[in-house]
C-alpha atoms as a PDB file:
ATOM      1  CA  MET A   1     -13.495-314.908  84.716  1.00  0.00           C
ATOM      2  CA  TRP A   2     -15.365-311.634  85.179  1.00  0.00           C
ATOM      3  CA  VAL A   3     -14.330-308.488  83.337  1.00  0.00           C
ATOM      4  CA  ALA A   4     -15.638-304.937  83.075  1.00  0.00           C
ATOM      5  CA  MET A   5     -16.294-304.428  79.354  1.00  0.00           C
ATOM      6  CA  TYR A   6     -16.161-300.823  78.153  1.00  0.00           C
ATOM      7  CA  TYR A   7     -18.638-299.693  75.487  1.00  0.00           C
ATOM      8  CA  ASN A   8     -18.652-295.986  76.346  1.00  0.00           C
ATOM      9  CA  ASN A   9     -18.348-293.848  79.479  1.00  0.00           C
ATOM     10  CA  ARG A  10     -21.980-294.529  80.407  1.00  0.00           C
ATOM     11  CA  ASP A  11     -21.977-298.202  79.439  1.00  0.00           C
ATOM     12  CA  VAL A  12     -19.473-300.429  81.243  1.00  0.00           C
ATOM     13  CA  ARG A  13     -20.794-303.979  81.664  1.00  0.00           C
ATOM     14  CA  LEU A  14     -19.808-306.879  83.888  1.00  0.00           C
ATOM     15  CA  GLU A  15     -19.227-309.770  81.475  1.00  0.00           C
ATOM     16  CA  LYS A  16     -17.576-313.174  81.429  1.00  0.00           C
ATOM     17  CA  MET A  17     -14.681-314.291  79.271  1.00  0.00           C
ATOM     18  CA  PRO A  18     -12.256-317.224  79.449  1.00  0.00           C
ATOM     19  CA  ILE A  19      -9.189-316.914  81.647  1.00  0.00           C
ATOM     20  CA  PRO A  20      -6.330-316.239  79.202  1.00  0.00           C
ATOM     21  CA  LYS A  21      -4.049-319.165  78.418  1.00  0.00           C
ATOM     22  CA  ILE A  22      -0.361-318.346  78.679  1.00  0.00           C
ATOM     23  CA  GLY A  23       2.417-319.458  76.379  1.00  0.00           C
ATOM     24  CA  PRO A  24       6.178-319.900  76.840  1.00  0.00           C
ATOM     25  CA  GLY A  25       7.792-316.884  78.464  1.00  0.00           C
ATOM     26  CA  GLU A  26       4.446-315.463  79.636  1.00  0.00           C
ATOM     27  CA  LEU A  27       2.807-314.889  83.011  1.00  0.00           C
ATOM     28  CA  LEU A  28      -0.724-315.108  84.351  1.00  0.00           C
ATOM     29  CA  VAL A  29      -1.368-312.451  86.978  1.00  0.00           C
ATOM     30  CA  LYS A  30      -4.355-312.272  89.311  1.00  0.00           C
ATOM     31  CA  VAL A  31      -5.361-308.611  89.418  1.00  0.00           C
ATOM     32  CA  LYS A  32      -5.461-307.167  92.929  1.00  0.00           C
ATOM     33  CA  ALA A  33      -6.029-303.487  92.114  1.00  0.00           C
ATOM     34  CA  CYS A  34      -6.320-301.272  89.036  1.00  0.00           C
ATOM     35  CA  GLY A  35      -6.761-297.503  88.950  1.00  0.00           C
ATOM     36  CA  ILE A  36      -9.087-295.709  86.549  1.00  0.00           C
ATOM     37  CA  CYS A  37      -6.973-293.242  84.564  1.00  0.00           C
ATOM     38  CA  GLY A  38      -8.243-289.952  83.187  1.00  0.00           C
ATOM     39  CA  SER A  39      -7.370-291.299  79.745  1.00  0.00           C
ATOM     40  CA  ASP A  40      -9.788-294.203  80.322  1.00  0.00           C
ATOM     41  CA  VAL A  41     -12.679-291.719  80.211  1.00  0.00           C
ATOM     42  CA  MET A  42     -11.399-289.781  77.163  1.00  0.00           C
ATOM     43  CA  GLU A  43     -14.289-291.117  75.128  1.00  0.00           C
ATOM     44  CA  TRP A  44     -13.070-289.778  71.770  1.00  0.00           C
ATOM     45  CA  TYR A  45      -9.898-291.797  72.322  1.00  0.00           C
ATOM     46  CA  ARG A  46     -11.365-295.005  73.728  1.00  0.00           C
ATOM     47  CA  ILE A  47     -14.658-295.511  71.932  1.00  0.00           C
ATOM     48  CA  LYS A  48     -13.130-296.238  68.529  1.00  0.00           C
ATOM     49  CA  LYS A  49     -11.746-299.525  69.924  1.00  0.00           C
ATOM     50  CA  ALA A  50     -14.806-300.436  71.994  1.00  0.00           C
ATOM     51  CA  PRO A  51     -15.965-302.860  73.204  1.00  0.00           C
ATOM     52  CA  ARG A  52     -12.814-303.705  75.118  1.00  0.00           C
ATOM     53  CA  VAL A  53     -11.468-304.256  78.627  1.00  0.00           C
ATOM     54  CA  LEU A  54      -9.539-301.190  79.724  1.00  0.00           C
ATOM     55  CA  GLY A  55      -7.280-300.662  82.735  1.00  0.00           C
ATOM     56  CA  HIS A  56      -3.515-300.147  82.651  1.00  0.00           C
ATOM     57  CA  GLU A  57      -2.648-298.999  86.211  1.00  0.00           C
ATOM     58  CA  MET A  58      -2.517-302.573  87.419  1.00  0.00           C
ATOM     59  CA  THR A  59      -0.959-304.543  90.257  1.00  0.00           C
ATOM     60  CA  GLY A  60      -1.427-308.199  91.093  1.00  0.00           C
ATOM     61  CA  GLU A  61      -0.017-311.578  92.084  1.00  0.00           C
ATOM     62  CA  ILE A  62       1.655-314.031  89.740  1.00  0.00           C
ATOM     63  CA  VAL A  63      -0.369-317.262  89.730  1.00  0.00           C
ATOM     64  CA  LYS A  64       1.089-319.113  86.726  1.00  0.00           C
ATOM     65  CA  LEU A  65       4.481-319.147  84.977  1.00  0.00           C
ATOM     66  CA  GLY A  66       5.119-319.973  81.339  1.00  0.00           C
ATOM     67  CA  LYS A  67       7.967-322.257  80.367  1.00  0.00           C
ATOM     68  CA  ASP A  68      11.422-320.670  80.660  1.00  0.00           C
ATOM     69  CA  VAL A  69      10.312-317.759  82.896  1.00  0.00           C
ATOM     70  CA  LYS A  70      13.186-317.516  85.361  1.00  0.00           C
ATOM     71  CA  ASN A  71      13.160-314.105  87.040  1.00  0.00           C
ATOM     72  CA  TYR A  72       9.777-314.446  88.739  1.00  0.00           C
ATOM     73  CA  LYS A  73       7.931-317.012  90.825  1.00  0.00           C
ATOM     74  CA  ILE A  74       4.350-317.849  91.736  1.00  0.00           C
ATOM     75  CA  GLY A  75       3.206-315.557  94.535  1.00  0.00           C
ATOM     76  CA  ASP A  76       5.321-312.563  93.508  1.00  0.00           C
ATOM     77  CA  ARG A  77       3.562-309.213  93.994  1.00  0.00           C
ATOM     78  CA  VAL A  78       4.030-307.164  90.821  1.00  0.00           C
ATOM     79  CA  PHE A  79       3.226-304.053  88.874  1.00  0.00           C
ATOM     80  CA  VAL A  80       2.942-304.693  85.131  1.00  0.00           C
ATOM     81  CA  SER A  81       3.639-302.010  82.532  1.00  0.00           C
ATOM     82  CA  HIS A  82       1.199-302.336  79.627  1.00  0.00           C
ATOM     83  CA  HIS A  83       3.376-300.518  77.048  1.00  0.00           C
ATOM     84  CA  VAL A  84       7.037-301.459  76.566  1.00  0.00           C
ATOM     85  CA  PRO A  85       9.580-300.242  73.967  1.00  0.00           C
ATOM     86  CA  CYS A  86      11.783-302.298  71.678  1.00  0.00           C
ATOM     87  CA  ASN A  87      14.966-300.536  72.920  1.00  0.00           C
ATOM     88  CA  GLU A  88      16.493-300.965  69.448  1.00  0.00           C
ATOM     89  CA  CYS A  89      14.789-298.547  67.017  1.00  0.00           C
ATOM     90  CA  HIS A  90      15.946-295.040  66.067  1.00  0.00           C
ATOM     91  CA  TYR A  91      13.645-293.422  68.636  1.00  0.00           C
ATOM     92  CA  CYS A  92      14.688-295.688  71.505  1.00  0.00           C
ATOM     93  CA  LEU A  93      18.380-295.178  70.729  1.00  0.00           C
ATOM     94  CA  MET A  94      17.793-291.400  70.743  1.00  0.00           C
ATOM     95  CA  GLY A  95      16.130-291.646  74.166  1.00  0.00           C
ATOM     96  CA  TYR A  96      12.598-291.128  72.817  1.00  0.00           C
ATOM     97  CA  HIS A  97      11.328-294.522  73.977  1.00  0.00           C
ATOM     98  CA  THR A  98       7.692-293.458  74.201  1.00  0.00           C
ATOM     99  CA  LEU A  99       7.684-292.685  70.453  1.00  0.00           C
ATOM    100  CA  CYS A 100       8.649-296.287  69.654  1.00  0.00           C
ATOM    101  CA  ASP A 101       6.230-298.215  67.426  1.00  0.00           C
ATOM    102  CA  THR A 102       6.602-301.284  69.629  1.00  0.00           C
ATOM    103  CA  LEU A 103       5.606-299.321  72.720  1.00  0.00           C
ATOM    104  CA  HIS A 104       2.438-298.180  70.965  1.00  0.00           C
ATOM    105  CA  SER A 105       1.523-301.723  69.920  1.00  0.00           C
ATOM    106  CA  THR A 106       2.223-303.694  73.120  1.00  0.00           C
ATOM    107  CA  ASN A 107      -0.273-304.403  75.905  1.00  0.00           C
ATOM    108  CA  PHE A 108      -1.337-307.089  78.328  1.00  0.00           C
ATOM    109  CA  ASP A 109      -4.419-309.252  77.772  1.00  0.00           C
ATOM    110  CA  PRO A 110      -7.195-308.288  78.216  1.00  0.00           C
ATOM    111  CA  GLY A 111      -6.881-305.247  80.516  1.00  0.00           C
ATOM    112  CA  GLY A 112      -6.640-304.443  84.207  1.00  0.00           C
ATOM    113  CA  PHE A 113     -10.404-304.333  84.828  1.00  0.00           C
ATOM    114  CA  ALA A 114     -10.492-308.122  84.892  1.00  0.00           C
ATOM    115  CA  GLU A 115      -9.811-310.910  87.364  1.00  0.00           C
ATOM    116  CA  TYR A 116      -6.723-312.132  85.476  1.00  0.00           C
ATOM    117  CA  VAL A 117      -4.354-310.800  82.815  1.00  0.00           C
ATOM    118  CA  ARG A 118      -1.922-312.563  80.521  1.00  0.00           C
ATOM    119  CA  VAL A 119       1.451-310.823  80.351  1.00  0.00           C
ATOM    120  CA  PRO A 120       3.126-311.343  76.935  1.00  0.00           C
ATOM    121  CA  GLU A 121       6.770-312.361  76.756  1.00  0.00           C
ATOM    122  CA  ILE A 122       8.052-308.913  75.741  1.00  0.00           C
ATOM    123  CA  ASN A 123       6.272-307.341  78.729  1.00  0.00           C
ATOM    124  CA  VAL A 124       7.669-310.036  81.019  1.00  0.00           C
ATOM    125  CA  ASP A 125      11.141-309.219  79.690  1.00  0.00           C
ATOM    126  CA  ARG A 126      10.985-305.446  80.280  1.00  0.00           C
ATOM    127  CA  GLY A 127       7.717-304.466  81.947  1.00  0.00           C
ATOM    128  CA  VAL A 128       7.231-306.428  85.167  1.00  0.00           C
ATOM    129  CA  TYR A 129       8.375-304.888  88.461  1.00  0.00           C
ATOM    130  CA  LEU A 130       8.329-306.483  91.905  1.00  0.00           C
ATOM    131  CA  LEU A 131       6.460-304.383  94.452  1.00  0.00           C
ATOM    132  CA  PRO A 132       8.586-303.402  97.457  1.00  0.00           C
ATOM    133  CA  GLN A 133       7.473-305.109 100.658  1.00  0.00           C
ATOM    134  CA  GLU A 134       6.331-301.804 102.156  1.00  0.00           C
ATOM    135  CA  MET A 135       4.133-300.917  99.149  1.00  0.00           C
ATOM    136  CA  SER A 136       0.501-302.047  99.002  1.00  0.00           C
ATOM    137  CA  TYR A 137      -1.268-303.168  95.835  1.00  0.00           C
ATOM    138  CA  GLU A 138      -3.317-299.971  95.983  1.00  0.00           C
ATOM    139  CA  GLU A 139      -0.239-297.765  96.214  1.00  0.00           C
ATOM    140  CA  GLY A 140       1.280-299.724  93.343  1.00  0.00           C
ATOM    141  CA  THR A 141      -1.500-298.574  91.010  1.00  0.00           C
ATOM    142  CA  PHE A 142       0.117-295.127  91.118  1.00  0.00           C
ATOM    143  CA  ILE A 143       3.409-296.365  89.629  1.00  0.00           C
ATOM    144  CA  GLU A 144       2.294-295.842  86.030  1.00  0.00           C
ATOM    145  CA  PRO A 145       0.667-292.396  86.447  1.00  0.00           C
ATOM    146  CA  LEU A 146       3.533-291.167  88.625  1.00  0.00           C
ATOM    147  CA  GLY A 147       6.013-292.550  86.085  1.00  0.00           C
ATOM    148  CA  CYS A 148       4.329-290.397  83.431  1.00  0.00           C
ATOM    149  CA  VAL A 149       4.638-287.383  85.733  1.00  0.00           C
ATOM    150  CA  VAL A 150       8.307-288.169  86.410  1.00  0.00           C
ATOM    151  CA  ARG A 151       9.015-288.305  82.697  1.00  0.00           C
ATOM    152  CA  GLY A 152       7.126-285.073  82.101  1.00  0.00           C
ATOM    153  CA  GLN A 153       9.016-283.083  84.721  1.00  0.00           C
ATOM    154  CA  ARG A 154      12.312-284.483  83.499  1.00  0.00           C
ATOM    155  CA  LEU A 155      11.544-283.332  79.958  1.00  0.00           C
ATOM    156  CA  ALA A 156      10.359-279.964  81.286  1.00  0.00           C
ATOM    157  CA  ASN A 157      13.635-279.575  83.178  1.00  0.00           C
ATOM    158  CA  VAL A 158      11.998-278.898  86.555  1.00  0.00           C
ATOM    159  CA  GLN A 159      14.778-277.745  88.877  1.00  0.00           C
ATOM    160  CA  LYS A 160      15.434-276.838  92.463  1.00  0.00           C
ATOM    161  CA  GLY A 161      14.267-273.303  93.199  1.00  0.00           C
ATOM    162  CA  ASN A 162      11.674-273.188  90.411  1.00  0.00           C
ATOM    163  CA  THR A 163       8.216-271.742  90.781  1.00  0.00           C
ATOM    164  CA  VAL A 164       5.947-274.308  89.137  1.00  0.00           C
ATOM    165  CA  LEU A 165       2.405-273.594  87.947  1.00  0.00           C
ATOM    166  CA  ILE A 166       0.120-276.619  87.545  1.00  0.00           C
ATOM    167  CA  ILE A 167      -2.925-275.984  85.346  1.00  0.00           C
ATOM    168  CA  GLY A 168      -5.569-278.494  86.441  1.00  0.00           C
ATOM    169  CA  SER A 169      -5.645-280.214  89.840  1.00  0.00           C
ATOM    170  CA  GLY A 170      -6.942-283.666  89.031  1.00  0.00           C
ATOM    171  CA  ILE A 171      -4.902-286.742  89.911  1.00  0.00           C
ATOM    172  CA  SER A 172      -2.101-285.848  87.466  1.00  0.00           C
ATOM    173  CA  GLY A 173      -1.954-282.290  88.747  1.00  0.00           C
ATOM    174  CA  LEU A 174      -1.737-283.455  92.358  1.00  0.00           C
ATOM    175  CA  LEU A 175       1.074-285.869  91.507  1.00  0.00           C
ATOM    176  CA  HIS A 176       2.872-283.028  89.705  1.00  0.00           C
ATOM    177  CA  ILE A 177       2.545-280.862  92.833  1.00  0.00           C
ATOM    178  CA  GLN A 178       4.156-283.464  95.045  1.00  0.00           C
ATOM    179  CA  LEU A 179       6.901-284.361  92.587  1.00  0.00           C
ATOM    180  CA  ALA A 180       7.829-280.711  91.998  1.00  0.00           C
ATOM    181  CA  TYR A 181       8.341-280.264  95.720  1.00  0.00           C
ATOM    182  CA  ALA A 182      10.283-283.533  95.911  1.00  0.00           C
ATOM    183  CA  LEU A 183      12.593-282.151  93.197  1.00  0.00           C
ATOM    184  CA  GLY A 184      13.172-278.961  95.182  1.00  0.00           C
ATOM    185  CA  ALA A 185      10.688-276.485  93.749  1.00  0.00           C
ATOM    186  CA  LYS A 186      10.519-273.239  95.721  1.00  0.00           C
ATOM    187  CA  GLN A 187       6.782-272.868  95.246  1.00  0.00           C
ATOM    188  CA  VAL A 188       3.995-274.710  93.465  1.00  0.00           C
ATOM    189  CA  ILE A 189       0.826-272.944  92.352  1.00  0.00           C
ATOM    190  CA  ALA A 190      -2.184-274.923  91.141  1.00  0.00           C
ATOM    191  CA  THR A 191      -5.387-273.968  89.349  1.00  0.00           C
ATOM    192  CA  ASP A 192      -8.803-275.527  88.873  1.00  0.00           C
ATOM    193  CA  VAL A 193     -12.472-274.532  88.687  1.00  0.00           C
ATOM    194  CA  ASN A 194     -13.493-277.311  91.090  1.00  0.00           C
ATOM    195  CA  LYS A 195     -13.410-276.249  94.759  1.00  0.00           C
ATOM    196  CA  TYR A 196     -12.890-279.839  95.920  1.00  0.00           C
ATOM    197  CA  ARG A 197      -9.787-280.187  93.777  1.00  0.00           C
ATOM    198  CA  LEU A 198      -8.448-276.786  94.814  1.00  0.00           C
ATOM    199  CA  LYS A 199      -8.796-277.910  98.429  1.00  0.00           C
ATOM    200  CA  ALA A 200      -6.856-281.082  97.572  1.00  0.00           C
ATOM    201  CA  ALA A 201      -4.152-279.042  95.838  1.00  0.00           C
ATOM    202  CA  LYS A 202      -3.772-276.914  98.962  1.00  0.00           C
ATOM    203  CA  LYS A 203      -3.609-280.065 101.103  1.00  0.00           C
ATOM    204  CA  PHE A 204      -0.598-281.243  99.092  1.00  0.00           C
ATOM    205  CA  GLY A 205       1.181-277.903  99.488  1.00  0.00           C
ATOM    206  CA  ALA A 206       0.209-275.833  96.455  1.00  0.00           C
ATOM    207  CA  VAL A 207      -1.045-272.266  96.431  1.00  0.00           C
ATOM    208  CA  PRO A 208      -4.557-272.708  94.988  1.00  0.00           C
ATOM    209  CA  ILE A 209      -5.897-270.320  92.338  1.00  0.00           C
ATOM    210  CA  ASN A 210      -9.430-270.427  90.966  1.00  0.00           C
ATOM    211  CA  ALA A 211      -9.080-270.799  87.202  1.00  0.00           C
ATOM    212  CA  LYS A 212     -11.987-268.419  86.676  1.00  0.00           C
ATOM    213  CA  THR A 213      -9.820-265.531  87.872  1.00  0.00           C
ATOM    214  CA  ASN A 214      -6.945-263.809  86.068  1.00  0.00           C
ATOM    215  CA  VAL A 215      -4.447-266.612  86.552  1.00  0.00           C
ATOM    216  CA  SER A 216      -1.314-264.849  85.277  1.00  0.00           C
ATOM    217  CA  ALA A 217      -2.014-261.830  87.504  1.00  0.00           C
ATOM    218  CA  ARG A 218      -2.573-264.061  90.529  1.00  0.00           C
ATOM    219  CA  VAL A 219       0.678-265.940  89.826  1.00  0.00           C
ATOM    220  CA  CYS A 220       2.549-262.627  89.908  1.00  0.00           C
ATOM    221  CA  GLU A 221       0.832-261.690  93.182  1.00  0.00           C
ATOM    222  CA  VAL A 222       2.041-264.813  94.976  1.00  0.00           C
ATOM    223  CA  ASN A 223       5.424-265.052  93.229  1.00  0.00           C
ATOM    224  CA  ASP A 224       7.204-261.758  93.902  1.00  0.00           C
ATOM    225  CA  ASN A 225       5.764-260.130  90.770  1.00  0.00           C
ATOM    226  CA  ARG A 226       7.118-262.866  88.485  1.00  0.00           C
ATOM    227  CA  LEU A 227       5.397-265.413  86.303  1.00  0.00           C
ATOM    228  CA  ALA A 228       6.119-269.149  86.634  1.00  0.00           C
ATOM    229  CA  ASP A 229       9.440-270.768  85.707  1.00  0.00           C
ATOM    230  CA  ARG A 230       7.646-273.971  84.715  1.00  0.00           C
ATOM    231  CA  VAL A 231       4.044-274.357  83.574  1.00  0.00           C
ATOM    232  CA  ILE A 232       2.529-277.842  83.431  1.00  0.00           C
ATOM    233  CA  ILE A 233      -0.830-278.057  81.669  1.00  0.00           C
ATOM    234  CA  CYS A 234      -2.845-281.065  82.850  1.00  0.00           C
ATOM    235  CA  THR A 235      -6.102-280.336  81.052  1.00  0.00           C
ATOM    236  CA  SER A 236      -7.260-280.136  77.451  1.00  0.00           C
ATOM    237  CA  ALA A 237      -9.536-277.118  78.042  1.00  0.00           C
ATOM    238  CA  ILE A 238      -8.565-274.434  75.530  1.00  0.00           C
ATOM    239  CA  SER A 239      -9.042-271.633  78.070  1.00  0.00           C
ATOM    240  CA  ALA A 240      -6.704-273.418  80.487  1.00  0.00           C
ATOM    241  CA  ILE A 241      -4.076-273.898  77.777  1.00  0.00           C
ATOM    242  CA  GLN A 242      -4.262-270.183  76.982  1.00  0.00           C
ATOM    243  CA  GLN A 243      -3.826-269.372  80.681  1.00  0.00           C
ATOM    244  CA  GLY A 244      -0.702-271.494  80.720  1.00  0.00           C
ATOM    245  CA  LEU A 245       0.734-269.713  77.687  1.00  0.00           C
ATOM    246  CA  GLN A 246       0.134-266.375  79.422  1.00  0.00           C
ATOM    247  CA  SER A 247       1.672-267.416  82.741  1.00  0.00           C
ATOM    248  CA  VAL A 248       5.222-268.487  81.861  1.00  0.00           C
ATOM    249  CA  ASP A 249       8.195-266.312  82.776  1.00  0.00           C
ATOM    250  CA  ARG A 250      11.215-265.431  80.650  1.00  0.00           C
ATOM    251  CA  GLY A 251      13.385-268.472  80.062  1.00  0.00           C
ATOM    252  CA  GLY A 252      10.556-270.708  81.237  1.00  0.00           C
ATOM    253  CA  TRP A 253       9.260-274.051  80.024  1.00  0.00           C
ATOM    254  CA  ILE A 254       5.706-275.145  79.251  1.00  0.00           C
ATOM    255  CA  LEU A 255       4.827-278.855  79.414  1.00  0.00           C
ATOM    256  CA  PHE A 256       1.696-280.014  77.609  1.00  0.00           C
ATOM    257  CA  PHE A 257       0.847-283.020  79.760  1.00  0.00           C
ATOM    258  CA  ALA A 258      -2.719-283.588  78.506  1.00  0.00           C
ATOM    259  CA  PRO A 259      -3.766-283.800  74.840  1.00  0.00           C
ATOM    260  CA  THR A 260      -6.679-282.156  73.090  1.00  0.00           C
ATOM    261  CA  GLU A 261      -8.878-284.097  70.701  1.00  0.00           C
ATOM    262  CA  PRO A 262      -7.327-284.568  67.249  1.00  0.00           C
ATOM    263  CA  GLY A 263      -7.908-281.612  64.966  1.00  0.00           C
ATOM    264  CA  VAL A 264      -8.158-279.009  67.733  1.00  0.00           C
ATOM    265  CA  GLU A 265      -5.917-276.036  66.945  1.00  0.00           C
ATOM    266  CA  ILE A 266      -4.642-273.693  69.651  1.00  0.00           C
ATOM    267  CA  PRO A 267      -3.546-270.162  68.666  1.00  0.00           C
ATOM    268  CA  PHE A 268      -0.480-269.022  70.566  1.00  0.00           C
ATOM    269  CA  PRO A 269       1.508-265.781  70.737  1.00  0.00           C
ATOM    270  CA  LEU A 270       4.629-266.842  68.843  1.00  0.00           C
ATOM    271  CA  PHE A 271       6.453-263.523  69.073  1.00  0.00           C
ATOM    272  CA  GLU A 272       5.910-263.229  72.809  1.00  0.00           C
ATOM    273  CA  LEU A 273       7.043-266.790  73.479  1.00  0.00           C
ATOM    274  CA  TRP A 274      10.022-266.372  71.130  1.00  0.00           C
ATOM    275  CA  ASN A 275      10.951-263.050  72.697  1.00  0.00           C
ATOM    276  CA  LYS A 276      10.804-264.544  76.199  1.00  0.00           C
ATOM    277  CA  GLY A 277      12.891-267.585  75.227  1.00  0.00           C
ATOM    278  CA  VAL A 278      10.164-270.018  76.237  1.00  0.00           C
ATOM    279  CA  THR A 279      10.538-273.753  75.567  1.00  0.00           C
ATOM    280  CA  LEU A 280       7.437-275.789  74.687  1.00  0.00           C
ATOM    281  CA  THR A 281       7.449-279.554  75.131  1.00  0.00           C
ATOM    282  CA  SER A 282       5.063-282.467  75.533  1.00  0.00           C
ATOM    283  CA  THR A 283       5.138-285.937  76.994  1.00  0.00           C
ATOM    284  CA  TYR A 284       3.440-289.314  76.701  1.00  0.00           C
ATOM    285  CA  ALA A 285       3.641-292.478  78.807  1.00  0.00           C
ATOM    286  CA  ALA A 286       6.569-293.761  80.885  1.00  0.00           C
ATOM    287  CA  VAL A 287       9.365-296.303  80.510  1.00  0.00           C
ATOM    288  CA  GLU A 288      11.782-298.164  82.782  1.00  0.00           C
ATOM    289  CA  GLN A 289      13.777-295.159  83.999  1.00  0.00           C
ATOM    290  CA  ASP A 290      10.599-293.292  84.927  1.00  0.00           C
ATOM    291  CA  LEU A 291       8.809-296.257  86.477  1.00  0.00           C
ATOM    292  CA  LYS A 292      11.763-297.207  88.679  1.00  0.00           C
ATOM    293  CA  GLN A 293      11.985-293.638  89.952  1.00  0.00           C
ATOM    294  CA  ALA A 294       8.241-293.645  90.605  1.00  0.00           C
ATOM    295  CA  ILE A 295       8.523-296.868  92.612  1.00  0.00           C
ATOM    296  CA  GLU A 296      11.248-295.361  94.766  1.00  0.00           C
ATOM    297  CA  LEU A 297       9.308-292.117  95.310  1.00  0.00           C
ATOM    298  CA  ILE A 298       6.279-294.065  96.495  1.00  0.00           C
ATOM    299  CA  ARG A 299       8.329-296.515  98.573  1.00  0.00           C
ATOM    300  CA  THR A 300      10.117-293.724 100.429  1.00  0.00           C
ATOM    301  CA  ARG A 301       6.882-291.736 100.843  1.00  0.00           C
ATOM    302  CA  LYS A 302       8.398-288.716  99.085  1.00  0.00           C
ATOM    303  CA  VAL A 303       5.176-288.759  97.109  1.00  0.00           C
ATOM    304  CA  ASN A 304       2.149-289.553  99.240  1.00  0.00           C
ATOM    305  CA  VAL A 305      -0.280-291.500  97.060  1.00  0.00           C
ATOM    306  CA  LYS A 306      -2.346-293.217  99.738  1.00  0.00           C
ATOM    307  CA  GLU A 307      -4.175-290.035 100.684  1.00  0.00           C
ATOM    308  CA  MET A 308      -5.202-289.482  97.053  1.00  0.00           C
ATOM    309  CA  ILE A 309      -7.429-292.578  97.033  1.00  0.00           C
ATOM    310  CA  THR A 310     -11.054-291.491  97.429  1.00  0.00           C
ATOM    311  CA  ASP A 311     -12.958-294.507  96.113  1.00  0.00           C
ATOM    312  CA  ARG A 312     -12.384-298.270  96.259  1.00  0.00           C
ATOM    313  CA  LEU A 313     -14.861-300.308  94.229  1.00  0.00           C
ATOM    314  CA  ASN A 314     -15.483-303.937  93.291  1.00  0.00           C
ATOM    315  CA  LEU A 315     -15.260-305.044  89.662  1.00  0.00           C
ATOM    316  CA  LYS A 316     -19.066-305.105  89.428  1.00  0.00           C
ATOM    317  CA  ASP A 317     -19.089-301.384  90.288  1.00  0.00           C
ATOM    318  CA  THR A 318     -16.640-300.351  87.556  1.00  0.00           C
ATOM    319  CA  ALA A 319     -19.422-298.451  85.759  1.00  0.00           C
ATOM    320  CA  LEU A 320     -19.845-296.290  88.856  1.00  0.00           C
ATOM    321  CA  GLY A 321     -16.098-295.742  88.911  1.00  0.00           C
ATOM    322  CA  PHE A 322     -16.132-294.490  85.324  1.00  0.00           C
ATOM    323  CA  LYS A 323     -19.000-292.152  86.205  1.00  0.00           C
ATOM    324  CA  LEU A 324     -17.077-290.716  89.155  1.00  0.00           C
ATOM    325  CA  VAL A 325     -13.935-290.130  87.093  1.00  0.00           C
ATOM    326  CA  ALA A 326     -15.792-288.714  84.087  1.00  0.00           C
ATOM    327  CA  GLU A 327     -17.832-286.295  86.197  1.00  0.00           C
ATOM    328  CA  ALA A 328     -14.726-285.216  88.173  1.00  0.00           C
ATOM    329  CA  LYS A 329     -16.681-283.763  91.087  1.00  0.00           C
ATOM    330  CA  GLU A 330     -15.638-285.031  94.515  1.00  0.00           C
ATOM    331  CA  SER A 331     -13.337-287.916  93.723  1.00  0.00           C
ATOM    332  CA  ILE A 332      -9.609-287.978  93.052  1.00  0.00           C
ATOM    333  CA  LYS A 333      -8.407-291.541  92.594  1.00  0.00           C
ATOM    334  CA  VAL A 334     -10.816-294.395  91.938  1.00  0.00           C
ATOM    335  CA  ILE A 335      -9.411-297.911  92.296  1.00  0.00           C
ATOM    336  CA  ILE A 336     -11.101-301.113  91.145  1.00  0.00           C
ATOM    337  CA  LYS A 337     -10.332-304.201  93.225  1.00  0.00           C
ATOM    338  CA  PRO A 338     -11.448-307.412  91.455  1.00  0.00           C
END
């Protein structure tokens, strides 16, 4: 089978490898669509395990069943979660499933930028979801990223009537805009330095603010002289993180949705945040509760993902897809269709 082998952001090669052989309890899935995630082009994160086949926002069709697989059949249209928790450790029992060691060690084989993937037994048990009839394979590639957004806003306690500030209007930021409104936010404000992305943020209902301006002052201007109840930071840029810290209102919450590189230290005004009663939190990945909610949000069109797709490419053009996502100019969602 053909795969897109990642060496670095500027070197993604079309290569051949054997179709994975499945064992008892496993599935073989023919990949129909796989989105390129912003984390796929975080070179500092990915290159240490290169060369490898990336791609985790994957949908496809089951073409082979391992012995004893009972809940699925050949021809089923599915989304497959690459990371799954054990549901038994201290962290899972405390509700912190994405901190589970098992979740951080599980994956499908080899990755979504391939013609076929093998789904291990543990993923079959707790990470395979049938696509609703009204959901396309392309729309299904948003289940994982939207699930991460769902989890993030749940942890950040986004509530009806909130004013929500989104720092960074890439794909995650745009999903956050739509979800905040779906949860009843009074107003969503979004920042970016890219005019194309600010236009997209406005299209999905946010008040756009150029990040090169005084963001906290502009938030007050459009929010009845108040800062934001919830601030969601979807970029690792230090200046953007500082803007987020400056833009949260009393009693507000700040969600760090995107990580910096390891070792980067961010100074923050502890007294001011303490005095204002601000809660800081972070999030990583998504699990069953989040993914099921994401599926329903997409199925019911409460979150419009179809209009976020800007580029559809063949597997042989995956290198171009990585270039588009890494440059982040005039593309939002890039989907590879093997």
